[in-house]
């Protein structure tokens, strides 16, 4: 878990406004709908370069994918555990 997600979890456990919840949701949605697609495109382009065993572009894309998926999981957890204060 990254420091960013750890901080986010502390924030949502302490209590956040509805507006802040929406900001977090919008970032989660951007990651799922936009960034995930960009990662997929990058992986596909790297695959077209050939030999995956010796393909630094593919390795970078897969590393990016792992980071994005970890961040998505962190945002999902934060949204599920958020304590929204009216």
C-alpha atoms as a PDB file:
ATOM      1  CA  UNK A   1       0.000   0.000   0.000  1.00  0.00           C
ATOM      2  CA  UNK A   2       1.396   3.363  -0.973  1.00  0.00           C
ATOM      3  CA  UNK A   3       1.796   6.300   1.362  1.00  0.00           C
ATOM      4  CA  UNK A   4      -0.868   8.119  -0.663  1.00  0.00           C
ATOM      5  CA  UNK A   5      -3.434   5.379  -0.013  1.00  0.00           C
ATOM      6  CA  UNK A   6      -2.449   5.062   3.664  1.00  0.00           C
ATOM      7  CA  UNK A   7      -3.031   8.796   4.081  1.00  0.00           C
ATOM      8  CA  UNK A   8      -6.341   8.578   2.232  1.00  0.00           C
ATOM      9  CA  UNK A   9      -7.527   5.741   4.481  1.00  0.00           C
ATOM     10  CA  UNK A  10      -6.631   7.705   7.611  1.00  0.00           C
ATOM     11  CA  UNK A  11      -8.547  10.667   6.222  1.00  0.00           C
ATOM     12  CA  UNK A  12     -11.724   8.700   5.426  1.00  0.00           C
ATOM     13  CA  UNK A  13     -11.635   6.879   8.777  1.00  0.00           C
ATOM     14  CA  UNK A  14     -11.459  10.208  10.598  1.00  0.00           C
ATOM     15  CA  UNK A  15     -14.494  11.482   8.699  1.00  0.00           C
ATOM     16  CA  UNK A  16     -14.931  13.402   5.464  1.00  0.00           C
ATOM     17  CA  UNK A  17     -17.494  15.703   3.935  1.00  0.00           C
ATOM     18  CA  UNK A  18     -19.841  14.604   1.186  1.00  0.00           C
ATOM     19  CA  UNK A  19     -17.911  16.868  -1.196  1.00  0.00           C
ATOM     20  CA  UNK A  20     -14.626  15.157  -0.310  1.00  0.00           C
ATOM     21  CA  UNK A  21     -16.274  11.754  -0.807  1.00  0.00           C
ATOM     22  CA  UNK A  22     -17.291  12.870  -4.303  1.00  0.00           C
ATOM     23  CA  UNK A  23     -13.723  13.999  -5.045  1.00  0.00           C
ATOM     24  CA  UNK A  24     -12.394  10.609  -3.994  1.00  0.00           C
ATOM     25  CA  UNK A  25     -15.081   8.854  -6.041  1.00  0.00           C
ATOM     26  CA  UNK A  26     -14.251  10.958  -9.103  1.00  0.00           C
ATOM     27  CA  UNK A  27     -10.567  10.033  -8.834  1.00  0.00           C
ATOM     28  CA  UNK A  28     -11.501   6.361  -8.433  1.00  0.00           C
ATOM     29  CA  UNK A  29     -13.747   6.606 -11.484  1.00  0.00           C
ATOM     30  CA  UNK A  30     -10.978   8.281 -13.524  1.00  0.00           C
ATOM     31  CA  UNK A  31      -8.572   5.492 -12.620  1.00  0.00           C
ATOM     32  CA  UNK A  32     -11.065   2.779 -13.532  1.00  0.00           C
ATOM     33  CA  UNK A  33     -12.485   4.320 -16.706  1.00  0.00           C
ATOM     34  CA  UNK A  34      -9.565   6.252 -18.174  1.00  0.00           C
ATOM     35  CA  UNK A  35      -6.228   5.201 -16.718  1.00  0.00           C
ATOM     36  CA  UNK A  36      -7.013   1.478 -16.851  1.00  0.00           C
ATOM     37  CA  UNK A  37      -7.797   1.855 -20.568  1.00  0.00           C
ATOM     38  CA  UNK A  38      -4.558   3.781 -21.154  1.00  0.00           C
ATOM     39  CA  UNK A  39      -2.595   1.014 -19.440  1.00  0.00           C
ATOM     40  CA  UNK A  40      -4.295  -1.602 -21.580  1.00  0.00           C
ATOM     41  CA  UNK A  41      -3.407   0.325 -24.741  1.00  0.00           C
ATOM     42  CA  UNK A  42       0.219   0.639 -23.608  1.00  0.00           C
ATOM     43  CA  UNK A  43       0.450  -3.103 -22.932  1.00  0.00           C
ATOM     44  CA  UNK A  44      -1.056  -3.907 -26.326  1.00  0.00           C
ATOM     45  CA  UNK A  45       1.390  -1.593 -28.096  1.00  0.00           C
ATOM     46  CA  UNK A  46       4.311  -3.153 -26.222  1.00  0.00           C
ATOM     47  CA  UNK A  47       3.149  -6.666 -27.145  1.00  0.00           C
ATOM     48  CA  UNK A  48       3.276  -5.711 -30.805  1.00  0.00           C
ATOM     49  CA  UNK A  49       6.997  -5.016 -30.420  1.00  0.00           C
ATOM     50  CA  UNK A  50       7.608  -8.740 -30.136  1.00  0.00           C
ATOM     51  CA  UNK A  51       9.646 -10.812 -27.687  1.00  0.00           C
ATOM     52  CA  UNK A  52       8.130 -10.107 -24.268  1.00  0.00           C
ATOM     53  CA  UNK A  53      11.095 -11.639 -22.449  1.00  0.00           C
ATOM     54  CA  UNK A  54      13.384  -8.850 -23.671  1.00  0.00           C
ATOM     55  CA  UNK A  55      10.906  -6.017 -23.946  1.00  0.00           C
ATOM     56  CA  UNK A  56      11.463  -3.132 -21.501  1.00  0.00           C
ATOM     57  CA  UNK A  57       8.378  -1.315 -22.819  1.00  0.00           C
ATOM     58  CA  UNK A  58       6.217  -4.301 -21.903  1.00  0.00           C
ATOM     59  CA  UNK A  59       7.852  -4.546 -18.468  1.00  0.00           C
ATOM     60  CA  UNK A  60       7.201  -0.841 -17.814  1.00  0.00           C
ATOM     61  CA  UNK A  61       3.583  -1.154 -18.927  1.00  0.00           C
ATOM     62  CA  UNK A  62       2.989  -4.179 -16.679  1.00  0.00           C
ATOM     63  CA  UNK A  63       4.605  -2.345 -13.759  1.00  0.00           C
ATOM     64  CA  UNK A  64       2.314   0.623 -14.419  1.00  0.00           C
ATOM     65  CA  UNK A  65      -0.650  -1.757 -14.544  1.00  0.00           C
ATOM     66  CA  UNK A  66       0.244  -3.199 -11.121  1.00  0.00           C
ATOM     67  CA  UNK A  67       0.560   0.293  -9.651  1.00  0.00           C
ATOM     68  CA  UNK A  68      -2.776   1.414 -11.126  1.00  0.00           C
ATOM     69  CA  UNK A  69      -4.583  -1.715  -9.926  1.00  0.00           C
ATOM     70  CA  UNK A  70      -3.133  -1.249  -6.435  1.00  0.00           C
ATOM     71  CA  UNK A  71      -4.305   2.356  -6.438  1.00  0.00           C
ATOM     72  CA  UNK A  72      -7.779   1.352  -7.634  1.00  0.00           C
ATOM     73  CA  UNK A  73      -7.987  -1.210  -4.818  1.00  0.00           C
ATOM     74  CA  UNK A  74      -6.919   1.436  -2.307  1.00  0.00           C
ATOM     75  CA  UNK A  75      -9.514   3.921  -3.534  1.00  0.00           C
ATOM     76  CA  UNK A  76     -12.200   1.206  -3.500  1.00  0.00           C
ATOM     77  CA  UNK A  77     -11.298   0.368   0.104  1.00  0.00           C
ATOM     78  CA  UNK A  78     -11.356   4.050   1.066  1.00  0.00           C
ATOM     79  CA  UNK A  79     -14.772   4.562  -0.494  1.00  0.00           C
ATOM     80  CA  UNK A  80     -16.171   1.465   1.207  1.00  0.00           C
ATOM     81  CA  UNK A  81     -14.811   2.454   4.605  1.00  0.00           C
ATOM     82  CA  UNK A  82     -15.432   6.211   4.382  1.00  0.00           C
ATOM     83  CA  UNK A  83     -17.171   7.859   7.270  1.00  0.00           C
ATOM     84  CA  UNK A  84     -19.109  10.719   5.715  1.00  0.00           C
ATOM     85  CA  UNK A  85     -19.954  13.526   8.105  1.00  0.00           C
ATOM     86  CA  UNK A  86     -22.951  15.687   7.270  1.00  0.00           C
END
